[in-house]
PDB file of N, CA and C in Angstrom:
ATOM      1  N   MET A   1     -27.758 -27.358 -15.759  1.00  0.00           N
ATOM      2  CA  MET A   1     -26.848 -28.434 -16.199  1.00  0.00           C
ATOM      3  C   MET A   1     -25.759 -28.107 -15.114  1.00  0.00           C
ATOM      4  N   ALA A   2     -25.256 -29.155 -14.849  1.00  0.00           N
ATOM      5  CA  ALA A   2     -24.381 -29.801 -13.615  1.00  0.00           C
ATOM      6  C   ALA A   2     -22.930 -29.075 -14.071  1.00  0.00           C
ATOM      7  N   ALA A   3     -21.871 -29.145 -12.958  1.00  0.00           N
ATOM      8  CA  ALA A   3     -20.703 -28.965 -13.315  1.00  0.00           C
ATOM      9  C   ALA A   3     -20.195 -29.974 -14.035  1.00  0.00           C
ATOM     10  N   LYS A   4     -19.043 -29.722 -14.775  1.00  0.00           N
ATOM     11  CA  LYS A   4     -18.379 -30.681 -15.480  1.00  0.00           C
ATOM     12  C   LYS A   4     -17.075 -30.483 -15.780  1.00  0.00           C
ATOM     13  N   PHE A   5     -16.016 -31.547 -15.689  1.00  0.00           N
ATOM     14  CA  PHE A   5     -14.651 -31.561 -16.152  1.00  0.00           C
ATOM     15  C   PHE A   5     -14.496 -31.853 -17.636  1.00  0.00           C
ATOM     16  N   GLU A   6     -13.590 -30.777 -18.346  1.00  0.00           N
ATOM     17  CA  GLU A   6     -13.383 -30.816 -19.940  1.00  0.00           C
ATOM     18  C   GLU A   6     -11.982 -31.195 -19.743  1.00  0.00           C
ATOM     19  N   LEU A   7     -11.534 -32.224 -20.682  1.00  0.00           N
ATOM     20  CA  LEU A   7     -10.205 -32.815 -20.879  1.00  0.00           C
ATOM     21  C   LEU A   7     -10.051 -32.653 -22.283  1.00  0.00           C
ATOM     22  N   TYR A   8      -8.769 -31.781 -22.352  1.00  0.00           N
ATOM     23  CA  TYR A   8      -8.580 -31.423 -23.670  1.00  0.00           C
ATOM     24  C   TYR A   8      -7.072 -31.007 -24.015  1.00  0.00           C
ATOM     25  N   LYS A   9      -6.438 -31.162 -25.236  1.00  0.00           N
ATOM     26  CA  LYS A   9      -5.091 -30.987 -25.589  1.00  0.00           C
ATOM     27  C   LYS A   9      -5.126 -29.456 -25.902  1.00  0.00           C
ATOM     28  N   ASP A  10      -3.896 -28.701 -25.485  1.00  0.00           N
ATOM     29  CA  ASP A  10      -3.641 -27.487 -25.450  1.00  0.00           C
ATOM     30  C   ASP A  10      -2.821 -27.589 -26.968  1.00  0.00           C
ATOM     31  N   THR A  11      -2.437 -26.293 -27.243  1.00  0.00           N
ATOM     32  CA  THR A  11      -1.655 -26.017 -28.545  1.00  0.00           C
ATOM     33  C   THR A  11      -0.356 -26.401 -28.459  1.00  0.00           C
ATOM     34  N   ALA A  12       0.234 -26.811 -27.374  1.00  0.00           N
ATOM     35  CA  ALA A  12       1.619 -27.768 -27.457  1.00  0.00           C
ATOM     36  C   ALA A  12       1.371 -28.964 -27.349  1.00  0.00           C
ATOM     37  N   GLY A  13       0.080 -29.591 -27.117  1.00  0.00           N
ATOM     38  CA  GLY A  13      -0.215 -30.676 -27.272  1.00  0.00           C
ATOM     39  C   GLY A  13      -0.325 -31.545 -25.766  1.00  0.00           C
ATOM     40  N   LYS A  14      -0.388 -30.822 -24.640  1.00  0.00           N
ATOM     41  CA  LYS A  14      -0.233 -31.114 -23.395  1.00  0.00           C
ATOM     42  C   LYS A  14      -1.850 -31.336 -22.920  1.00  0.00           C
ATOM     43  N   PHE A  15      -2.112 -32.245 -22.280  1.00  0.00           N
ATOM     44  CA  PHE A  15      -3.158 -32.691 -21.757  1.00  0.00           C
ATOM     45  C   PHE A  15      -3.558 -31.607 -20.501  1.00  0.00           C
ATOM     46  N   GLN A  16      -4.813 -30.999 -20.386  1.00  0.00           N
ATOM     47  CA  GLN A  16      -5.380 -29.944 -19.460  1.00  0.00           C
ATOM     48  C   GLN A  16      -6.561 -30.566 -18.996  1.00  0.00           C
ATOM     49  N   PHE A  17      -6.913 -29.905 -17.961  1.00  0.00           N
ATOM     50  CA  PHE A  17      -8.371 -29.961 -17.758  1.00  0.00           C
ATOM     51  C   PHE A  17      -8.736 -28.701 -17.144  1.00  0.00           C
ATOM     52  N   ARG A  18     -10.214 -28.457 -17.163  1.00  0.00           N
ATOM     53  CA  ARG A  18     -10.621 -27.453 -16.511  1.00  0.00           C
ATOM     54  C   ARG A  18     -12.264 -27.785 -16.304  1.00  0.00           C
ATOM     55  N   LEU A  19     -12.662 -27.341 -15.053  1.00  0.00           N
ATOM     56  CA  LEU A  19     -13.804 -27.242 -14.350  1.00  0.00           C
ATOM     57  C   LEU A  19     -14.864 -26.618 -14.923  1.00  0.00           C
ATOM     58  N   LYS A  20     -16.144 -26.631 -15.085  1.00  0.00           N
ATOM     59  CA  LYS A  20     -16.736 -25.728 -15.810  1.00  0.00           C
ATOM     60  C   LYS A  20     -18.191 -25.778 -15.299  1.00  0.00           C
ATOM     61  N   ALA A  21     -18.793 -24.654 -14.557  1.00  0.00           N
ATOM     62  CA  ALA A  21     -20.092 -24.515 -13.785  1.00  0.00           C
ATOM     63  C   ALA A  21     -21.001 -24.929 -14.968  1.00  0.00           C
ATOM     64  N   GLY A  22     -22.158 -25.096 -14.094  1.00  0.00           N
ATOM     65  CA  GLY A  22     -23.257 -25.396 -14.907  1.00  0.00           C
ATOM     66  C   GLY A  22     -23.601 -24.198 -15.975  1.00  0.00           C
ATOM     67  N   ASN A  23     -23.664 -23.091 -15.758  1.00  0.00           N
ATOM     68  CA  ASN A  23     -23.481 -21.708 -16.390  1.00  0.00           C
ATOM     69  C   ASN A  23     -22.334 -21.738 -17.950  1.00  0.00           C
ATOM     70  N   GLY A  24     -21.439 -22.708 -17.846  1.00  0.00           N
ATOM     71  CA  GLY A  24     -20.268 -22.567 -18.836  1.00  0.00           C
ATOM     72  C   GLY A  24     -19.110 -21.865 -18.400  1.00  0.00           C
ATOM     73  N   GLU A  25     -19.052 -21.155 -17.310  1.00  0.00           N
ATOM     74  CA  GLU A  25     -17.787 -20.594 -16.621  1.00  0.00           C
ATOM     75  C   GLU A  25     -16.968 -21.567 -16.189  1.00  0.00           C
ATOM     76  N   ILE A  26     -15.619 -21.102 -16.579  1.00  0.00           N
ATOM     77  CA  ILE A  26     -14.527 -21.893 -15.961  1.00  0.00           C
ATOM     78  C   ILE A  26     -14.316 -21.325 -14.836  1.00  0.00           C
ATOM     79  N   ILE A  27     -14.440 -22.437 -13.740  1.00  0.00           N
ATOM     80  CA  ILE A  27     -14.125 -22.052 -12.217  1.00  0.00           C
ATOM     81  C   ILE A  27     -13.004 -22.391 -11.598  1.00  0.00           C
ATOM     82  N   ALA A  28     -12.393 -23.332 -12.409  1.00  0.00           N
ATOM     83  CA  ALA A  28     -11.009 -24.261 -11.914  1.00  0.00           C
ATOM     84  C   ALA A  28     -10.505 -24.515 -13.222  1.00  0.00           C
ATOM     85  N   GLN A  29      -8.944 -24.940 -13.150  1.00  0.00           N
ATOM     86  CA  GLN A  29      -8.340 -25.010 -14.189  1.00  0.00           C
ATOM     87  C   GLN A  29      -7.047 -26.016 -13.698  1.00  0.00           C
ATOM     88  N   GLY A  30      -6.683 -26.788 -14.255  1.00  0.00           N
ATOM     89  CA  GLY A  30      -5.466 -27.422 -14.102  1.00  0.00           C
ATOM     90  C   GLY A  30      -4.181 -27.271 -14.762  1.00  0.00           C
ATOM     91  N   HIS A  31      -2.747 -27.974 -14.432  1.00  0.00           N
ATOM     92  CA  HIS A  31      -1.816 -27.424 -15.544  1.00  0.00           C
ATOM     93  C   HIS A  31      -1.854 -28.432 -16.545  1.00  0.00           C
ATOM     94  N   ALA A  32      -0.779 -28.205 -17.277  1.00  0.00           N
ATOM     95  CA  ALA A  32      -0.225 -28.954 -18.491  1.00  0.00           C
ATOM     96  C   ALA A  32       0.131 -30.216 -17.831  1.00  0.00           C
ATOM     97  N   TYR A  33      -0.287 -31.671 -18.358  1.00  0.00           N
ATOM     98  CA  TYR A  33       0.241 -32.710 -18.150  1.00  0.00           C
ATOM     99  C   TYR A  33       0.691 -33.356 -19.266  1.00  0.00           C
ATOM    100  N   GLU A  34       1.908 -34.497 -19.403  1.00  0.00           N
ATOM    101  CA  GLU A  34       2.578 -35.042 -20.210  1.00  0.00           C
ATOM    102  C   GLU A  34       1.424 -36.334 -21.013  1.00  0.00           C
ATOM    103  N   SER A  35       0.604 -36.604 -20.115  1.00  0.00           N
ATOM    104  CA  SER A  35      -0.264 -38.078 -20.430  1.00  0.00           C
ATOM    105  C   SER A  35      -1.665 -37.765 -19.989  1.00  0.00           C
ATOM    106  N   ARG A  36      -2.459 -38.233 -20.844  1.00  0.00           N
ATOM    107  CA  ARG A  36      -3.872 -38.567 -20.385  1.00  0.00           C
ATOM    108  C   ARG A  36      -4.392 -38.896 -19.233  1.00  0.00           C
ATOM    109  N   GLY A  37      -3.464 -39.618 -18.631  1.00  0.00           N
ATOM    110  CA  GLY A  37      -3.590 -40.408 -17.715  1.00  0.00           C
ATOM    111  C   GLY A  37      -3.288 -39.701 -16.596  1.00  0.00           C
ATOM    112  N   ALA A  38      -2.405 -38.741 -16.649  1.00  0.00           N
ATOM    113  CA  ALA A  38      -1.878 -38.138 -15.322  1.00  0.00           C
ATOM    114  C   ALA A  38      -2.947 -36.777 -15.387  1.00  0.00           C
ATOM    115  N   ALA A  39      -3.349 -36.554 -16.186  1.00  0.00           N
ATOM    116  CA  ALA A  39      -4.298 -35.593 -16.396  1.00  0.00           C
ATOM    117  C   ALA A  39      -5.725 -36.006 -15.440  1.00  0.00           C
ATOM    118  N   LEU A  40      -6.009 -37.156 -15.925  1.00  0.00           N
ATOM    119  CA  LEU A  40      -7.333 -38.080 -15.263  1.00  0.00           C
ATOM    120  C   LEU A  40      -6.968 -37.930 -13.715  1.00  0.00           C
ATOM    121  N   ASP A  41      -5.551 -38.177 -13.456  1.00  0.00           N
ATOM    122  CA  ASP A  41      -5.475 -38.277 -12.202  1.00  0.00           C
ATOM    123  C   ASP A  41      -5.338 -36.849 -11.360  1.00  0.00           C
ATOM    124  N   GLY A  42      -5.118 -36.093 -12.084  1.00  0.00           N
ATOM    125  CA  GLY A  42      -5.448 -34.240 -11.464  1.00  0.00           C
ATOM    126  C   GLY A  42      -6.769 -34.551 -11.112  1.00  0.00           C
ATOM    127  N   ILE A  43      -7.733 -34.668 -12.250  1.00  0.00           N
ATOM    128  CA  ILE A  43      -9.154 -34.455 -12.153  1.00  0.00           C
ATOM    129  C   ILE A  43      -9.838 -35.199 -10.688  1.00  0.00           C
ATOM    130  N   GLU A  44      -9.263 -36.359 -10.859  1.00  0.00           N
ATOM    131  CA  GLU A  44      -9.389 -37.399  -9.789  1.00  0.00           C
ATOM    132  C   GLU A  44      -9.107 -37.132  -8.460  1.00  0.00           C
ATOM    133  N   SER A  45      -8.085 -36.373  -8.325  1.00  0.00           N
ATOM    134  CA  SER A  45      -7.276 -35.597  -7.080  1.00  0.00           C
ATOM    135  C   SER A  45      -8.651 -34.528  -6.814  1.00  0.00           C
ATOM    136  N   VAL A  46      -8.746 -33.644  -7.684  1.00  0.00           N
ATOM    137  CA  VAL A  46      -9.715 -32.678  -7.333  1.00  0.00           C
ATOM    138  C   VAL A  46     -10.984 -33.060  -6.924  1.00  0.00           C
ATOM    139  N   MET A  47     -11.350 -34.218  -7.605  1.00  0.00           N
ATOM    140  CA  MET A  47     -12.748 -34.702  -6.986  1.00  0.00           C
ATOM    141  C   MET A  47     -12.900 -35.284  -5.446  1.00  0.00           C
ATOM    142  N   LYS A  48     -11.742 -35.663  -5.326  1.00  0.00           N
ATOM    143  CA  LYS A  48     -11.162 -36.210  -3.780  1.00  0.00           C
ATOM    144  C   LYS A  48     -11.113 -35.492  -2.692  1.00  0.00           C
ATOM    145  N   TYR A  49     -10.273 -34.235  -3.189  1.00  0.00           N
ATOM    146  CA  TYR A  49      -9.909 -33.509  -1.868  1.00  0.00           C
ATOM    147  C   TYR A  49     -10.906 -32.025  -1.794  1.00  0.00           C
ATOM    148  N   ALA A  50     -11.505 -31.807  -3.183  1.00  0.00           N
ATOM    149  CA  ALA A  50     -12.238 -30.200  -3.063  1.00  0.00           C
ATOM    150  C   ALA A  50     -13.150 -30.151  -1.904  1.00  0.00           C
ATOM    151  N   PRO A  51     -14.091 -31.508  -1.750  1.00  0.00           N
ATOM    152  CA  PRO A  51     -15.057 -31.366  -0.894  1.00  0.00           C
ATOM    153  C   PRO A  51     -14.648 -31.197   0.592  1.00  0.00           C
ATOM    154  N   VAL A  52     -13.289 -31.604   1.033  1.00  0.00           N
ATOM    155  CA  VAL A  52     -12.927 -31.274   2.568  1.00  0.00           C
ATOM    156  C   VAL A  52     -11.965 -30.228   2.653  1.00  0.00           C
ATOM    157  N   ALA A  53     -11.260 -29.932   1.290  1.00  0.00           N
ATOM    158  CA  ALA A  53     -10.456 -28.655   1.457  1.00  0.00           C
ATOM    159  C   ALA A  53     -10.934 -27.256   2.065  1.00  0.00           C
ATOM    160  N   GLY A  54     -10.352 -26.773   2.771  1.00  0.00           N
ATOM    161  CA  GLY A  54     -10.066 -25.562   3.768  1.00  0.00           C
ATOM    162  C   GLY A  54     -10.036 -24.242   2.702  1.00  0.00           C
ATOM    163  N   THR A  55     -10.163 -23.121   3.551  1.00  0.00           N
ATOM    164  CA  THR A  55     -10.016 -21.996   2.626  1.00  0.00           C
ATOM    165  C   THR A  55      -8.592 -21.310   3.507  1.00  0.00           C
ATOM    166  N   ASP A  56      -7.413 -20.822   2.340  1.00  0.00           N
ATOM    167  CA  ASP A  56      -6.283 -20.125   3.231  1.00  0.00           C
ATOM    168  C   ASP A  56      -6.501 -18.830   2.630  1.00  0.00           C
ATOM    169  N   ASP A  57      -7.701 -17.846   3.203  1.00  0.00           N
ATOM    170  CA  ASP A  57      -7.562 -16.605   2.760  1.00  0.00           C
ATOM    171  C   ASP A  57      -6.360 -15.638   2.984  1.00  0.00           C
ATOM    172  N   GLN A  58      -5.321 -15.306   2.229  1.00  0.00           N
ATOM    173  CA  GLN A  58      -4.476 -14.427   2.221  1.00  0.00           C
ATOM    174  C   GLN A  58      -4.683 -13.060   1.558  1.00  0.00           C
ATOM    175  N   THR A  59      -5.647 -12.539   2.061  1.00  0.00           N
ATOM    176  CA  THR A  59      -6.086 -10.905   1.514  1.00  0.00           C
ATOM    177  C   THR A  59      -5.512 -10.733   2.815  1.00  0.00           C
TER     178      THR A  59
END
């Protein structure tokens, strides 16, 4: 199974998303958004910028 984004409402009624790997493990999570549209914009942003994002190793 391929990775997928899940869009859901949290217990406070805010919209959130998480990215799950093919094995069901959560590998990324967004923050709480006031609207569904804003959460979808967040997903789109991750999809757009993740492939070209660098790594900032602060260890």
